[in-house]
Amino acid sequence: MSLFQRVRRLLPITKPRAPPSKPVKVVTDSTADLPPDLARELGITVVPLRVIFGEQAYRDGIDLRSEEFFHKLASSKELPTTSQPSTGEFLQVYEHLAAETDRILSIHLSSGFSGTVDTARRAAQQLIGRCTIEVIDSATISMAMGFAVIAAAKAARDGADLETCAATARSVLRRQRLAVTVDTLEYLRRGGRIGRAQAFIGGLLHIKPILTIRKGETHPLARVRTRRKALEEMLRICLEDGHVIEAVVMDSTTPEDARFLEGELARRCPGVPVHTGAIGPVIGVHGGPGLIGLAVVLAEEPP
């Protein structure tokens, strides 16, 4: 036995060290309506959709904020349109993040409303072999999606792998409940996003519709005669399925209604965090002034 072999037998056997894991990066789009400070804090990359007034295009949440949009909408003679990010924009985002990680989770608004998620998938395919990118169709919108994005980003921050982050997001999406009311369905109708709420058209002059998003489409839940009854019905719908652990109130142009919902949530769900936020321009194009939403996350998935 050589000297080298004798020394090697005396040394402790050690396994090669695995390379340090790189953190999962989370991407979403501007329709999640995430507070910008929170997105920065959690390292979430937000890809903006666009709002188009005439020949002028504005990046949602960057060039045009919620309050500015609704002022502009009120004075515009024509209804603005929206457009999704391009494949190139997603590819640029993914390539930038691929310099820092090899795993990306990308969560986007319902494919029933926009081709954004399909565009994200096309961009992700171009990085196969260089970066693993999982793209999730949230089948919803605004903070009903935003809660899932936030949960995934917190899991990533705590060191979770891509599979766990994706499972965390999907769990929240199954446990979220969303109800919105609008002053009129006209904006949804003109924008082609009315879905199964089409049944509400006719006799709309004196009713307030309550809607949700189910399987990626707008669905009618109820219709009442007054705005206050609509807010009460939103609360009933969102709180009836189980124990709520988090809630958010999103409004466009009616802060007094938002305050009412906040107060009722504090009274009915003591100790539950209640967040507030503004509905962004892209959603505002299709919901119009007076749009207000309530989203909650349940502790458990209902049977």
C-alpha atoms as a PDB file:
ATOM      1  CA  MET A   1       0.000   0.000   0.000  1.00  0.00           C
ATOM      2  CA  SER A   2       1.414   3.318  -1.010  1.00  0.00           C
ATOM      3  CA  LEU A   3       1.849   6.256   1.378  1.00  0.00           C
ATOM      4  CA  PHE A   4      -0.924   8.098  -0.484  1.00  0.00           C
ATOM      5  CA  GLN A   5      -3.320   5.183   0.021  1.00  0.00           C
ATOM      6  CA  ARG A   6      -2.472   4.898   3.733  1.00  0.00           C
ATOM      7  CA  VAL A   7      -3.035   8.645   4.312  1.00  0.00           C
ATOM      8  CA  ARG A   8      -6.302   8.552   2.361  1.00  0.00           C
ATOM      9  CA  ARG A   9      -7.627   5.739   4.586  1.00  0.00           C
ATOM     10  CA  LEU A  10      -7.014   7.911   7.657  1.00  0.00           C
ATOM     11  CA  LEU A  11      -8.878  10.938   6.265  1.00  0.00           C
ATOM     12  CA  PRO A  12     -12.637  11.336   6.958  1.00  0.00           C
ATOM     13  CA  ILE A  13     -14.855  10.449   4.023  1.00  0.00           C
ATOM     14  CA  THR A  14     -16.699  13.541   2.816  1.00  0.00           C
ATOM     15  CA  LYS A  15     -19.253  13.921   0.079  1.00  0.00           C
ATOM     16  CA  PRO A  16     -18.772  16.617  -2.538  1.00  0.00           C
ATOM     17  CA  ARG A  17     -20.598  19.777  -1.586  1.00  0.00           C
ATOM     18  CA  ALA A  18     -23.666  20.593  -3.657  1.00  0.00           C
ATOM     19  CA  PRO A  19     -23.536  24.015  -5.241  1.00  0.00           C
ATOM     20  CA  PRO A  20     -25.493  26.599  -3.233  1.00  0.00           C
ATOM     21  CA  SER A  21     -29.081  26.783  -4.405  1.00  0.00           C
ATOM     22  CA  LYS A  22     -30.186  29.946  -6.134  1.00  0.00           C
ATOM     23  CA  PRO A  23     -33.383  31.616  -4.933  1.00  0.00           C
ATOM     24  CA  VAL A  24     -36.541  31.296  -6.994  1.00  0.00           C
ATOM     25  CA  LYS A  25     -37.534  34.560  -8.669  1.00  0.00           C
ATOM     26  CA  VAL A  26     -41.213  35.478  -8.904  1.00  0.00           C
ATOM     27  CA  VAL A  27     -42.740  37.369 -11.826  1.00  0.00           C
ATOM     28  CA  THR A  28     -46.275  38.663 -12.301  1.00  0.00           C
ATOM     29  CA  ASP A  29     -48.039  41.335 -14.311  1.00  0.00           C
ATOM     30  CA  SER A  30     -49.496  44.702 -13.424  1.00  0.00           C
ATOM     31  CA  THR A  31     -53.072  43.425 -13.135  1.00  0.00           C
ATOM     32  CA  ALA A  32     -52.104  41.858  -9.783  1.00  0.00           C
ATOM     33  CA  ASP A  33     -52.460  45.421  -8.413  1.00  0.00           C
ATOM     34  CA  LEU A  34     -49.553  44.837  -6.007  1.00  0.00           C
ATOM     35  CA  PRO A  35     -48.455  47.818  -3.918  1.00  0.00           C
ATOM     36  CA  PRO A  36     -45.119  48.856  -5.509  1.00  0.00           C
ATOM     37  CA  ASP A  37     -43.305  48.991  -2.161  1.00  0.00           C
ATOM     38  CA  LEU A  38     -44.351  45.436  -1.325  1.00  0.00           C
ATOM     39  CA  ALA A  39     -43.292  44.156  -4.742  1.00  0.00           C
ATOM     40  CA  ARG A  40     -39.850  45.715  -4.265  1.00  0.00           C
ATOM     41  CA  GLU A  41     -39.539  44.376  -0.730  1.00  0.00           C
ATOM     42  CA  LEU A  42     -40.305  40.817  -1.841  1.00  0.00           C
ATOM     43  CA  GLY A  43     -38.265  41.033  -5.032  1.00  0.00           C
ATOM     44  CA  ILE A  44     -41.277  40.487  -7.307  1.00  0.00           C
ATOM     45  CA  THR A  45     -40.819  41.547 -10.929  1.00  0.00           C
ATOM     46  CA  VAL A  46     -43.979  43.147 -12.349  1.00  0.00           C
ATOM     47  CA  VAL A  47     -44.414  43.176 -16.139  1.00  0.00           C
ATOM     48  CA  PRO A  48     -46.785  45.988 -17.158  1.00  0.00           C
ATOM     49  CA  LEU A  49     -49.702  45.696 -19.519  1.00  0.00           C
ATOM     50  CA  ARG A  50     -50.610  48.853 -21.445  1.00  0.00           C
ATOM     51  CA  VAL A  51     -53.567  51.204 -21.578  1.00  0.00           C
ATOM     52  CA  ILE A  52     -54.086  52.970 -24.894  1.00  0.00           C
ATOM     53  CA  PHE A  53     -55.881  56.303 -25.266  1.00  0.00           C
ATOM     54  CA  GLY A  54     -56.048  57.043 -28.984  1.00  0.00           C
ATOM     55  CA  GLU A  55     -52.489  56.735 -30.245  1.00  0.00           C
ATOM     56  CA  GLN A  56     -50.871  57.139 -26.816  1.00  0.00           C
ATOM     57  CA  ALA A  57     -49.896  53.980 -24.924  1.00  0.00           C
ATOM     58  CA  TYR A  58     -49.203  54.023 -21.179  1.00  0.00           C
ATOM     59  CA  ARG A  59     -47.538  51.315 -19.122  1.00  0.00           C
ATOM     60  CA  ASP A  60     -49.942  50.236 -16.409  1.00  0.00           C
ATOM     61  CA  GLY A  61     -48.759  51.459 -13.023  1.00  0.00           C
ATOM     62  CA  ILE A  62     -45.630  53.111 -14.443  1.00  0.00           C
ATOM     63  CA  ASP A  63     -46.650  55.818 -16.884  1.00  0.00           C
ATOM     64  CA  LEU A  64     -50.228  55.894 -15.599  1.00  0.00           C
ATOM     65  CA  ARG A  65     -51.377  55.400 -12.016  1.00  0.00           C
ATOM     66  CA  SER A  66     -54.892  54.588 -10.861  1.00  0.00           C
ATOM     67  CA  GLU A  67     -56.012  58.107  -9.881  1.00  0.00           C
ATOM     68  CA  GLU A  68     -54.586  59.625 -13.064  1.00  0.00           C
ATOM     69  CA  PHE A  69     -56.288  56.979 -15.174  1.00  0.00           C
ATOM     70  CA  PHE A  70     -59.785  57.533 -13.795  1.00  0.00           C
ATOM     71  CA  HIS A  71     -59.433  61.303 -14.250  1.00  0.00           C
ATOM     72  CA  LYS A  72     -58.386  60.694 -17.828  1.00  0.00           C
ATOM     73  CA  LEU A  73     -61.182  58.179 -18.383  1.00  0.00           C
ATOM     74  CA  ALA A  74     -63.790  60.688 -17.218  1.00  0.00           C
ATOM     75  CA  SER A  75     -62.648  63.254 -19.795  1.00  0.00           C
ATOM     76  CA  SER A  76     -62.045  60.849 -22.679  1.00  0.00           C
ATOM     77  CA  LYS A  77     -64.579  60.742 -25.512  1.00  0.00           C
ATOM     78  CA  GLU A  78     -63.558  57.232 -26.499  1.00  0.00           C
ATOM     79  CA  LEU A  79     -63.145  54.154 -24.349  1.00  0.00           C
ATOM     80  CA  PRO A  80     -59.438  53.275 -24.032  1.00  0.00           C
ATOM     81  CA  THR A  81     -58.150  49.831 -24.928  1.00  0.00           C
ATOM     82  CA  THR A  82     -55.547  47.558 -23.377  1.00  0.00           C
ATOM     83  CA  SER A  83     -52.699  45.445 -24.716  1.00  0.00           C
ATOM     84  CA  GLN A  84     -50.622  42.642 -23.274  1.00  0.00           C
ATOM     85  CA  PRO A  85     -46.820  42.565 -23.002  1.00  0.00           C
ATOM     86  CA  SER A  86     -44.946  41.190 -25.986  1.00  0.00           C
ATOM     87  CA  THR A  87     -42.979  37.956 -26.049  1.00  0.00           C
ATOM     88  CA  GLY A  88     -39.837  40.094 -26.296  1.00  0.00           C
ATOM     89  CA  GLU A  89     -40.690  41.977 -23.107  1.00  0.00           C
ATOM     90  CA  PHE A  90     -41.143  38.742 -21.184  1.00  0.00           C
ATOM     91  CA  LEU A  91     -37.982  37.307 -22.694  1.00  0.00           C
ATOM     92  CA  GLN A  92     -36.025  40.372 -21.602  1.00  0.00           C
ATOM     93  CA  VAL A  93     -37.320  39.994 -18.046  1.00  0.00           C
ATOM     94  CA  TYR A  94     -36.576  36.271 -17.921  1.00  0.00           C
ATOM     95  CA  GLU A  95     -33.077  36.688 -19.370  1.00  0.00           C
ATOM     96  CA  HIS A  96     -32.279  39.378 -16.816  1.00  0.00           C
ATOM     97  CA  LEU A  97     -33.443  37.157 -13.952  1.00  0.00           C
ATOM     98  CA  ALA A  98     -31.642  34.124 -15.429  1.00  0.00           C
ATOM     99  CA  ALA A  99     -28.378  35.911 -14.648  1.00  0.00           C
ATOM    100  CA  GLU A 100     -29.302  35.543 -10.957  1.00  0.00           C
ATOM    101  CA  THR A 101     -31.196  32.266 -10.822  1.00  0.00           C
ATOM    102  CA  ASP A 102     -32.066  29.137 -12.756  1.00  0.00           C
ATOM    103  CA  ARG A 103     -35.677  28.939 -11.498  1.00  0.00           C
ATOM    104  CA  ILE A 104     -38.498  31.402 -12.161  1.00  0.00           C
ATOM    105  CA  LEU A 105     -42.170  31.286 -11.218  1.00  0.00           C
ATOM    106  CA  SER A 106     -44.369  33.488 -13.405  1.00  0.00           C
ATOM    107  CA  ILE A 107     -48.016  34.037 -12.324  1.00  0.00           C
ATOM    108  CA  HIS A 108     -50.468  35.922 -14.543  1.00  0.00           C
ATOM    109  CA  LEU A 109     -54.035  37.052 -15.026  1.00  0.00           C
ATOM    110  CA  SER A 110     -56.703  34.744 -16.365  1.00  0.00           C
ATOM    111  CA  SER A 111     -56.217  33.560 -19.924  1.00  0.00           C
ATOM    112  CA  GLY A 112     -59.940  34.196 -20.316  1.00  0.00           C
ATOM    113  CA  PHE A 113     -59.223  37.928 -20.183  1.00  0.00           C
ATOM    114  CA  SER A 114     -55.859  38.249 -21.886  1.00  0.00           C
ATOM    115  CA  GLY A 115     -53.235  36.379 -23.869  1.00  0.00           C
ATOM    116  CA  THR A 116     -50.582  37.489 -21.366  1.00  0.00           C
ATOM    117  CA  VAL A 117     -50.064  34.027 -19.877  1.00  0.00           C
ATOM    118  CA  ASP A 118     -49.662  32.444 -23.329  1.00  0.00           C
ATOM    119  CA  THR A 119     -47.120  35.106 -24.259  1.00  0.00           C
ATOM    120  CA  ALA A 120     -45.200  34.374 -21.055  1.00  0.00           C
ATOM    121  CA  ARG A 121     -45.149  30.678 -21.945  1.00  0.00           C
ATOM    122  CA  ARG A 122     -43.785  31.366 -25.416  1.00  0.00           C
ATOM    123  CA  ALA A 123     -40.986  33.435 -23.911  1.00  0.00           C
ATOM    124  CA  ALA A 124     -40.254  30.741 -21.307  1.00  0.00           C
ATOM    125  CA  GLN A 125     -39.851  28.112 -24.025  1.00  0.00           C
ATOM    126  CA  GLN A 126     -36.973  30.093 -25.481  1.00  0.00           C
ATOM    127  CA  LEU A 127     -34.979  29.631 -22.269  1.00  0.00           C
ATOM    128  CA  ILE A 128     -35.420  25.856 -21.971  1.00  0.00           C
ATOM    129  CA  GLY A 129     -32.090  24.337 -20.941  1.00  0.00           C
ATOM    130  CA  ARG A 130     -30.871  27.588 -19.443  1.00  0.00           C
ATOM    131  CA  CYS A 131     -33.552  28.365 -16.869  1.00  0.00           C
ATOM    132  CA  THR A 132     -36.568  26.454 -15.547  1.00  0.00           C
ATOM    133  CA  ILE A 133     -39.615  28.705 -15.797  1.00  0.00           C
ATOM    134  CA  GLU A 134     -43.032  27.646 -14.541  1.00  0.00           C
ATOM    135  CA  VAL A 135     -45.916  29.784 -15.780  1.00  0.00           C
ATOM    136  CA  ILE A 136     -49.229  29.709 -13.894  1.00  0.00           C
ATOM    137  CA  ASP A 137     -52.577  30.873 -15.226  1.00  0.00           C
ATOM    138  CA  SER A 138     -54.161  32.264 -12.062  1.00  0.00           C
ATOM    139  CA  ALA A 139     -57.666  32.127 -13.615  1.00  0.00           C
ATOM    140  CA  THR A 140     -58.389  35.352 -11.745  1.00  0.00           C
ATOM    141  CA  ILE A 141     -57.172  38.933 -11.473  1.00  0.00           C
ATOM    142  CA  SER A 142     -56.187  41.816  -9.149  1.00  0.00           C
ATOM    143  CA  MET A 143     -55.367  40.947  -5.535  1.00  0.00           C
ATOM    144  CA  ALA A 144     -57.182  37.618  -5.790  1.00  0.00           C
ATOM    145  CA  MET A 145     -54.118  36.780  -7.883  1.00  0.00           C
ATOM    146  CA  GLY A 146     -51.855  39.122  -5.927  1.00  0.00           C
ATOM    147  CA  PHE A 147     -52.280  37.119  -2.719  1.00  0.00           C
ATOM    148  CA  ALA A 148     -50.886  34.045  -4.512  1.00  0.00           C
ATOM    149  CA  VAL A 149     -47.966  36.040  -5.924  1.00  0.00           C
ATOM    150  CA  ILE A 150     -47.111  37.400  -2.475  1.00  0.00           C
ATOM    151  CA  ALA A 151     -47.301  33.946  -0.867  1.00  0.00           C
ATOM    152  CA  ALA A 152     -45.005  32.473  -3.517  1.00  0.00           C
ATOM    153  CA  ALA A 153     -42.500  35.318  -3.113  1.00  0.00           C
ATOM    154  CA  LYS A 154     -42.429  34.865   0.673  1.00  0.00           C
ATOM    155  CA  ALA A 155     -41.822  31.134   0.211  1.00  0.00           C
ATOM    156  CA  ALA A 156     -38.993  31.918  -2.210  1.00  0.00           C
ATOM    157  CA  ARG A 157     -37.498  34.374   0.263  1.00  0.00           C
ATOM    158  CA  ASP A 158     -37.519  31.613   2.892  1.00  0.00           C
ATOM    159  CA  GLY A 159     -35.572  29.315   0.575  1.00  0.00           C
ATOM    160  CA  ALA A 160     -38.344  27.158  -0.888  1.00  0.00           C
ATOM    161  CA  ASP A 161     -37.716  25.408  -4.180  1.00  0.00           C
ATOM    162  CA  LEU A 162     -39.681  26.063  -7.373  1.00  0.00           C
ATOM    163  CA  GLU A 163     -42.092  23.181  -6.824  1.00  0.00           C
ATOM    164  CA  THR A 164     -42.956  24.406  -3.317  1.00  0.00           C
ATOM    165  CA  CYS A 165     -43.369  28.014  -4.432  1.00  0.00           C
ATOM    166  CA  ALA A 166     -45.723  26.950  -7.236  1.00  0.00           C
ATOM    167  CA  ALA A 167     -47.711  24.697  -4.876  1.00  0.00           C
ATOM    168  CA  THR A 168     -47.995  27.572  -2.395  1.00  0.00           C
ATOM    169  CA  ALA A 169     -49.376  29.879  -5.091  1.00  0.00           C
ATOM    170  CA  ARG A 170     -51.887  27.283  -6.300  1.00  0.00           C
ATOM    171  CA  SER A 171     -53.067  26.627  -2.760  1.00  0.00           C
ATOM    172  CA  VAL A 172     -53.815  30.319  -2.237  1.00  0.00           C
ATOM    173  CA  LEU A 173     -55.609  30.502  -5.590  1.00  0.00           C
ATOM    174  CA  ARG A 174     -57.889  27.643  -4.503  1.00  0.00           C
ATOM    175  CA  ARG A 175     -58.578  29.348  -1.175  1.00  0.00           C
ATOM    176  CA  GLN A 176     -59.225  32.878  -2.443  1.00  0.00           C
ATOM    177  CA  ARG A 177     -62.683  34.353  -2.792  1.00  0.00           C
ATOM    178  CA  LEU A 178     -63.455  37.458  -4.838  1.00  0.00           C
ATOM    179  CA  ALA A 179     -66.535  39.634  -5.207  1.00  0.00           C
ATOM    180  CA  VAL A 180     -66.817  42.907  -7.088  1.00  0.00           C
ATOM    181  CA  THR A 181     -69.550  45.354  -7.890  1.00  0.00           C
ATOM    182  CA  VAL A 182     -69.711  47.851 -10.716  1.00  0.00           C
ATOM    183  CA  ASP A 183     -71.961  50.816 -11.399  1.00  0.00           C
ATOM    184  CA  THR A 184     -72.595  49.486 -14.890  1.00  0.00           C
ATOM    185  CA  LEU A 185     -71.714  46.465 -16.999  1.00  0.00           C
ATOM    186  CA  GLU A 186     -71.271  48.711 -20.018  1.00  0.00           C
ATOM    187  CA  TYR A 187     -67.455  48.840 -19.726  1.00  0.00           C
ATOM    188  CA  LEU A 188     -67.224  45.050 -19.441  1.00  0.00           C
ATOM    189  CA  ARG A 189     -69.592  44.625 -22.362  1.00  0.00           C
ATOM    190  CA  ARG A 190     -67.723  47.047 -24.596  1.00  0.00           C
ATOM    191  CA  GLY A 191     -64.416  45.480 -23.672  1.00  0.00           C
ATOM    192  CA  GLY A 192     -65.665  41.958 -24.400  1.00  0.00           C
ATOM    193  CA  ARG A 193     -64.916  40.705 -20.850  1.00  0.00           C
ATOM    194  CA  ILE A 194     -68.458  40.154 -19.639  1.00  0.00           C
ATOM    195  CA  GLY A 195     -68.441  36.340 -19.819  1.00  0.00           C
ATOM    196  CA  ARG A 196     -71.419  34.666 -18.152  1.00  0.00           C
ATOM    197  CA  ALA A 197     -72.487  37.992 -16.638  1.00  0.00           C
ATOM    198  CA  GLN A 198     -74.094  38.619 -20.033  1.00  0.00           C
ATOM    199  CA  ALA A 199     -77.314  37.391 -18.420  1.00  0.00           C
ATOM    200  CA  PHE A 200     -77.416  40.560 -16.343  1.00  0.00           C
ATOM    201  CA  ILE A 201     -77.764  42.807 -19.385  1.00  0.00           C
ATOM    202  CA  GLY A 202     -81.289  44.107 -19.680  1.00  0.00           C
ATOM    203  CA  GLY A 203     -82.965  45.961 -16.854  1.00  0.00           C
ATOM    204  CA  LEU A 204     -79.572  47.167 -15.616  1.00  0.00           C
ATOM    205  CA  LEU A 205     -80.754  50.678 -15.007  1.00  0.00           C
ATOM    206  CA  HIS A 206     -81.887  50.021 -11.466  1.00  0.00           C
ATOM    207  CA  ILE A 207     -79.695  47.173 -10.249  1.00  0.00           C
ATOM    208  CA  LYS A 208     -76.198  46.768  -8.835  1.00  0.00           C
ATOM    209  CA  PRO A 209     -74.580  43.510 -10.040  1.00  0.00           C
ATOM    210  CA  ILE A 210     -72.183  41.504  -7.876  1.00  0.00           C
ATOM    211  CA  LEU A 211     -69.692  39.516  -9.912  1.00  0.00           C
ATOM    212  CA  THR A 212     -66.812  37.128  -9.393  1.00  0.00           C
ATOM    213  CA  ILE A 213     -64.254  35.396 -11.570  1.00  0.00           C
ATOM    214  CA  ARG A 214     -64.699  31.647 -11.821  1.00  0.00           C
ATOM    215  CA  LYS A 215     -62.682  29.368 -14.113  1.00  0.00           C
ATOM    216  CA  GLY A 216     -61.217  32.458 -15.709  1.00  0.00           C
ATOM    217  CA  GLU A 217     -64.512  34.127 -16.639  1.00  0.00           C
ATOM    218  CA  THR A 218     -66.731  36.824 -15.172  1.00  0.00           C
ATOM    219  CA  HIS A 219     -69.684  35.166 -13.446  1.00  0.00           C
ATOM    220  CA  PRO A 220     -72.786  36.790 -11.934  1.00  0.00           C
ATOM    221  CA  LEU A 221     -73.390  36.145  -8.245  1.00  0.00           C
ATOM    222  CA  ALA A 222     -76.275  38.407  -7.328  1.00  0.00           C
ATOM    223  CA  ARG A 223     -77.984  41.682  -8.127  1.00  0.00           C
ATOM    224  CA  VAL A 224     -79.451  44.137  -5.685  1.00  0.00           C
ATOM    225  CA  ARG A 225     -81.110  47.529  -5.813  1.00  0.00           C
ATOM    226  CA  THR A 226     -78.696  49.762  -3.903  1.00  0.00           C
ATOM    227  CA  ARG A 227     -74.958  50.266  -3.573  1.00  0.00           C
ATOM    228  CA  ARG A 228     -75.033  49.590   0.185  1.00  0.00           C
ATOM    229  CA  LYS A 229     -76.839  46.286  -0.356  1.00  0.00           C
ATOM    230  CA  ALA A 230     -74.233  45.400  -2.954  1.00  0.00           C
ATOM    231  CA  LEU A 231     -71.447  45.955  -0.419  1.00  0.00           C
ATOM    232  CA  GLU A 232     -73.293  43.861   2.172  1.00  0.00           C
ATOM    233  CA  GLU A 233     -73.731  41.077  -0.355  1.00  0.00           C
ATOM    234  CA  MET A 234     -70.026  41.162  -1.225  1.00  0.00           C
ATOM    235  CA  LEU A 235     -69.213  40.657   2.444  1.00  0.00           C
ATOM    236  CA  ARG A 236     -71.659  37.787   2.773  1.00  0.00           C
ATOM    237  CA  ILE A 237     -70.303  36.021  -0.304  1.00  0.00           C
ATOM    238  CA  CYS A 238     -66.648  36.323   0.705  1.00  0.00           C
ATOM    239  CA  LEU A 239     -67.104  35.393   4.359  1.00  0.00           C
ATOM    240  CA  GLU A 240     -69.535  32.487   4.083  1.00  0.00           C
ATOM    241  CA  ASP A 241     -67.148  29.704   3.015  1.00  0.00           C
ATOM    242  CA  GLY A 242     -64.859  29.478   6.024  1.00  0.00           C
ATOM    243  CA  HIS A 243     -62.386  31.150   8.334  1.00  0.00           C
ATOM    244  CA  VAL A 244     -60.760  34.159   6.680  1.00  0.00           C
ATOM    245  CA  ILE A 245     -57.064  34.727   7.387  1.00  0.00           C
ATOM    246  CA  GLU A 246     -56.441  37.773   5.170  1.00  0.00           C
ATOM    247  CA  ALA A 247     -58.505  40.296   3.222  1.00  0.00           C
ATOM    248  CA  VAL A 248     -58.048  43.203   0.852  1.00  0.00           C
ATOM    249  CA  VAL A 249     -60.381  45.965  -0.315  1.00  0.00           C
ATOM    250  CA  MET A 250     -59.633  47.422  -3.756  1.00  0.00           C
ATOM    251  CA  ASP A 251     -61.427  50.523  -4.976  1.00  0.00           C
ATOM    252  CA  SER A 252     -61.370  52.802  -7.995  1.00  0.00           C
ATOM    253  CA  THR A 253     -63.282  56.003  -7.277  1.00  0.00           C
ATOM    254  CA  THR A 254     -65.318  55.342  -4.112  1.00  0.00           C
ATOM    255  CA  PRO A 255     -63.116  55.597  -1.004  1.00  0.00           C
ATOM    256  CA  GLU A 256     -66.177  55.889   1.242  1.00  0.00           C
ATOM    257  CA  ASP A 257     -67.303  52.406   0.131  1.00  0.00           C
ATOM    258  CA  ALA A 258     -63.813  51.077   0.786  1.00  0.00           C
ATOM    259  CA  ARG A 259     -63.912  52.491   4.315  1.00  0.00           C
ATOM    260  CA  PHE A 260     -67.277  50.817   4.920  1.00  0.00           C
ATOM    261  CA  LEU A 261     -65.921  47.418   3.846  1.00  0.00           C
ATOM    262  CA  GLU A 262     -62.784  47.895   5.957  1.00  0.00           C
ATOM    263  CA  GLY A 263     -64.854  48.700   9.022  1.00  0.00           C
ATOM    264  CA  GLU A 264     -67.165  45.734   8.517  1.00  0.00           C
ATOM    265  CA  LEU A 265     -64.262  43.357   8.032  1.00  0.00           C
ATOM    266  CA  ALA A 266     -62.622  44.628  11.228  1.00  0.00           C
ATOM    267  CA  ARG A 267     -65.907  44.118  13.080  1.00  0.00           C
ATOM    268  CA  ARG A 268     -66.764  40.704  11.634  1.00  0.00           C
ATOM    269  CA  CYS A 269     -63.227  39.273  11.450  1.00  0.00           C
ATOM    270  CA  PRO A 270     -61.353  40.684  14.454  1.00  0.00           C
ATOM    271  CA  GLY A 271     -57.596  40.273  14.250  1.00  0.00           C
ATOM    272  CA  VAL A 272     -57.574  39.433  10.536  1.00  0.00           C
ATOM    273  CA  PRO A 273     -55.202  41.640   8.474  1.00  0.00           C
ATOM    274  CA  VAL A 274     -57.215  43.881   6.151  1.00  0.00           C
ATOM    275  CA  HIS A 275     -55.282  45.570   3.345  1.00  0.00           C
ATOM    276  CA  THR A 276     -56.397  48.318   1.019  1.00  0.00           C
ATOM    277  CA  GLY A 277     -55.325  49.180  -2.496  1.00  0.00           C
ATOM    278  CA  ALA A 278     -56.209  50.876  -5.732  1.00  0.00           C
ATOM    279  CA  ILE A 279     -57.626  49.144  -8.784  1.00  0.00           C
ATOM    280  CA  GLY A 280     -55.168  49.703 -11.613  1.00  0.00           C
ATOM    281  CA  PRO A 281     -55.745  51.248 -15.035  1.00  0.00           C
ATOM    282  CA  VAL A 282     -56.011  48.012 -17.053  1.00  0.00           C
ATOM    283  CA  ILE A 283     -58.758  46.607 -14.824  1.00  0.00           C
ATOM    284  CA  GLY A 284     -60.292  50.079 -14.691  1.00  0.00           C
ATOM    285  CA  VAL A 285     -60.710  50.086 -18.468  1.00  0.00           C
ATOM    286  CA  HIS A 286     -63.057  47.101 -18.208  1.00  0.00           C
ATOM    287  CA  GLY A 287     -64.753  47.883 -14.887  1.00  0.00           C
ATOM    288  CA  GLY A 288     -65.127  51.631 -15.166  1.00  0.00           C
ATOM    289  CA  PRO A 289     -65.617  54.182 -12.372  1.00  0.00           C
ATOM    290  CA  GLY A 290     -67.347  52.863  -9.274  1.00  0.00           C
ATOM    291  CA  LEU A 291     -65.684  49.456  -9.482  1.00  0.00           C
ATOM    292  CA  ILE A 292     -64.878  48.066  -6.040  1.00  0.00           C
ATOM    293  CA  GLY A 293     -63.614  44.629  -5.073  1.00  0.00           C
ATOM    294  CA  LEU A 294     -63.189  42.474  -1.991  1.00  0.00           C
ATOM    295  CA  ALA A 295     -60.827  39.497  -1.940  1.00  0.00           C
ATOM    296  CA  VAL A 296     -60.141  37.154   0.966  1.00  0.00           C
ATOM    297  CA  VAL A 297     -58.003  34.094   1.634  1.00  0.00           C
ATOM    298  CA  LEU A 298     -59.514  31.219   3.611  1.00  0.00           C
ATOM    299  CA  ALA A 299     -57.566  29.171   6.141  1.00  0.00           C
ATOM    300  CA  GLU A 300     -58.573  25.919   4.471  1.00  0.00           C
ATOM    301  CA  GLU A 301     -59.961  24.801   1.169  1.00  0.00           C
ATOM    302  CA  PRO A 302     -63.690  24.221   1.484  1.00  0.00           C
ATOM    303  CA  PRO A 303     -64.735  20.599   0.832  1.00  0.00           C
END
